Protein backbone atom coordinates (compact mmCIF):
# COMPACT_ATOMS: atom_id res chain seq x y z
CA UNK A 1 -0.14 0.12 0.06
CA UNK A 2 1.52 3.44 -0.60
CA UNK A 3 1.88 5.90 1.98
CA UNK A 4 -1.31 7.86 0.24
CA UNK A 5 -3.09 5.38 0.50
CA UNK A 6 -2.49 4.12 3.83
CA UNK A 7 -3.44 8.39 4.77
CA UNK A 8 -6.66 7.75 3.11
CA UNK A 9 -7.15 4.67 4.87
CA UNK A 10 -6.82 6.22 8.49
CA UNK A 11 -9.42 7.45 10.36
CA UNK A 12 -10.06 11.39 10.45
CA UNK A 13 -8.45 11.60 13.84
CA UNK A 14 -4.82 9.82 12.57
CA UNK A 15 -5.37 12.21 9.17
CA UNK A 16 -5.62 15.06 11.15
CA UNK A 17 -2.39 14.09 13.60
CA UNK A 18 -0.85 13.01 10.48
CA UNK A 19 -1.00 16.15 8.73
CA UNK A 20 -0.54 17.91 11.81
CA UNK A 21 3.01 16.76 11.92
CA UNK A 22 3.72 17.03 8.47
CA UNK A 23 2.79 21.23 8.87
CA UNK A 24 4.96 20.92 12.27
CA UNK A 25 7.76 19.71 10.14
CA UNK A 26 7.72 22.22 7.37
CA UNK A 27 7.28 25.21 9.64
CA UNK A 28 10.62 23.98 11.72
CA UNK A 29 12.57 23.06 8.37
CA UNK A 30 11.50 26.66 7.51
CA UNK A 31 12.38 28.49 10.54
CA UNK A 32 16.17 26.25 10.87
CA UNK A 33 16.62 27.53 7.07
CA UNK A 34 15.82 30.94 7.98
CA UNK A 35 17.93 31.26 11.67
CA UNK A 36 20.53 28.68 10.80
CA UNK A 37 22.56 26.88 13.46
CA UNK A 38 22.28 27.26 16.99
CA UNK A 39 24.53 27.06 20.12
CA UNK A 40 23.69 26.02 23.73
CA UNK A 41 24.30 28.06 26.93
CA UNK A 42 27.71 26.34 27.28
CA UNK A 43 29.16 26.60 24.04
CA UNK A 44 28.14 29.95 23.69
CA UNK A 45 30.10 30.92 26.93
CA UNK A 46 33.04 29.08 25.18
CA UNK A 47 32.78 30.75 22.15
CA UNK A 48 32.17 34.39 23.85
CA UNK A 49 35.73 33.32 26.67
CA UNK A 50 32.92 33.70 29.25
CA UNK A 51 31.05 31.68 32.04
CA UNK A 52 27.61 30.22 31.28
CA UNK A 53 25.98 32.73 34.19
CA UNK A 54 27.82 35.45 32.43
CA UNK A 55 26.15 34.16 29.00
CA UNK A 56 22.67 33.75 30.41
CA UNK A 57 22.50 37.67 31.64
CA UNK A 58 24.07 39.23 29.10
CA UNK A 59 21.70 41.21 27.60
CA UNK A 60 23.48 41.87 24.18
CA UNK A 61 22.71 37.93 23.55
CA UNK A 62 19.59 37.09 21.07
CA UNK A 63 18.50 33.69 23.38
CA UNK A 64 15.25 32.00 21.89
CA UNK A 65 13.76 28.55 23.72
CA UNK A 66 13.55 25.07 21.63
CA UNK A 67 10.01 23.30 21.62
CA UNK A 68 11.75 20.60 24.09
CA UNK A 69 12.37 24.08 26.29
CA UNK A 70 16.28 23.70 26.04
CA UNK A 71 17.99 27.24 25.51
CA UNK A 72 19.41 27.88 22.41
CA UNK A 73 21.61 30.93 20.99
CA UNK A 74 21.53 31.54 17.33
CA UNK A 75 24.87 31.70 15.77
CA UNK A 76 23.66 34.72 13.35
CA UNK A 77 24.04 37.05 16.37
CA UNK A 78 27.76 36.30 16.31
CA UNK A 79 30.72 37.79 14.31
CA UNK A 80 33.57 35.54 15.23
CA UNK A 81 33.85 35.22 19.14
CA UNK A 82 32.31 38.48 19.63
CA UNK A 83 28.63 39.51 19.66
CA UNK A 84 27.87 40.87 16.45
CA UNK A 85 28.41 44.65 17.10
CA UNK A 86 25.12 46.30 17.03
CA UNK A 87 22.82 43.61 18.37
CA UNK A 88 23.11 44.65 21.95
CA UNK A 89 21.52 48.21 20.61
CA UNK A 90 18.44 46.54 18.18
CA UNK A 91 18.06 44.03 21.48
CA UNK A 92 17.25 47.18 23.76
CA UNK A 93 14.75 48.29 21.73
CA UNK A 94 12.81 45.29 20.48
CA UNK A 95 12.98 43.33 23.64
CA UNK A 96 10.24 45.30 25.49
CA UNK A 97 8.22 45.03 22.53
CA UNK A 98 8.75 41.39 21.25
CA UNK A 99 8.88 37.90 22.24
CA UNK A 100 12.87 36.18 21.55
CA UNK A 101 10.94 34.11 18.46
CA UNK A 102 9.57 37.41 17.15
CA UNK A 103 12.63 38.87 17.05
CA UNK A 104 14.76 36.61 16.03
CA UNK A 105 12.28 36.16 13.01
CA UNK A 106 12.75 39.79 11.84
CA UNK A 107 16.67 40.13 13.07
CA UNK A 108 16.43 37.39 10.19
CA UNK A 109 13.71 38.18 7.81
CA UNK A 110 14.51 40.40 4.73
CA UNK A 111 13.55 44.11 5.22
CA UNK A 112 12.58 46.17 2.44
CA UNK A 113 13.29 49.65 3.70
CA UNK A 114 17.15 47.40 4.53
CA UNK A 115 17.33 46.98 0.63
CA UNK A 116 15.54 43.39 1.28
CA UNK A 117 18.64 42.49 3.66
CA UNK A 118 18.06 40.89 6.96
CA UNK A 119 18.83 43.22 9.87
CA UNK A 120 21.43 41.02 10.85
CA UNK A 121 23.30 41.63 7.21
CA UNK A 122 22.92 45.21 7.75
CA UNK A 123 24.78 45.45 10.98
CA UNK A 124 27.02 42.96 9.44
CA UNK A 125 27.77 45.82 6.89
CA UNK A 126 28.35 48.48 10.07
CA UNK A 127 24.63 49.96 9.80
CA UNK A 128 23.28 49.46 12.90
CA UNK A 129 21.83 52.92 13.19
CA UNK A 130 19.88 52.08 10.43
CA UNK A 131 19.35 48.80 12.01
CA UNK A 132 18.31 50.55 15.10
CA UNK A 133 16.27 53.26 13.86
CA UNK A 134 14.03 50.26 11.89
CA UNK A 135 13.65 48.14 14.79
CA UNK A 136 12.22 51.60 16.88
CA UNK A 137 9.79 51.64 13.96
CA UNK A 138 8.88 47.61 14.58
CA UNK A 139 8.54 48.26 18.54
CA UNK A 140 6.43 51.19 18.09
CA UNK A 141 4.56 49.29 15.75
CA UNK A 142 4.29 46.08 17.79
CA UNK A 143 3.07 47.65 21.01
C-alpha cells in the first residue's frame, strides 16, 4: 500500500494527526533555514570566553527556547568570537516590545527598507544606526 493509500484509509483523527506532524515538520525546516544553527549556553560561553552565568545574563545576546524547552543562541548573532556589533542596541529596543522568537524572525527576515536585506546582514555591514531606527519603528508598531 502506498503512503497516500494508507493516509486515506486511516481514521479522520489519524489523518488530522499526520497532517499536523507534517505541517510542523515543514514549519521547523523553514525556521531552521531562516535562522541557521544555534549554540547551547555552554557553547556560547566557550565561544565568548565567559561563564555560562555571564552568557545567561548578557543583554546583548539573543536567547530562544526550543520546542523541548532548551535555551539556544542563534549563531547568526555572532561575528567570530564576539557578539555582532550593534546587536545589543537592537535587542534593547525590541526586547520590551516582542518575544525572543519574534525578534529572531525579525532579525533574520528580509526588510524592504534595508534593500531587502536581513537586519543581521545590515549590522554586519556596519549599518547599526539604520537597523536600530528600523527596530524602533517595528517596536512602536508591535506595541
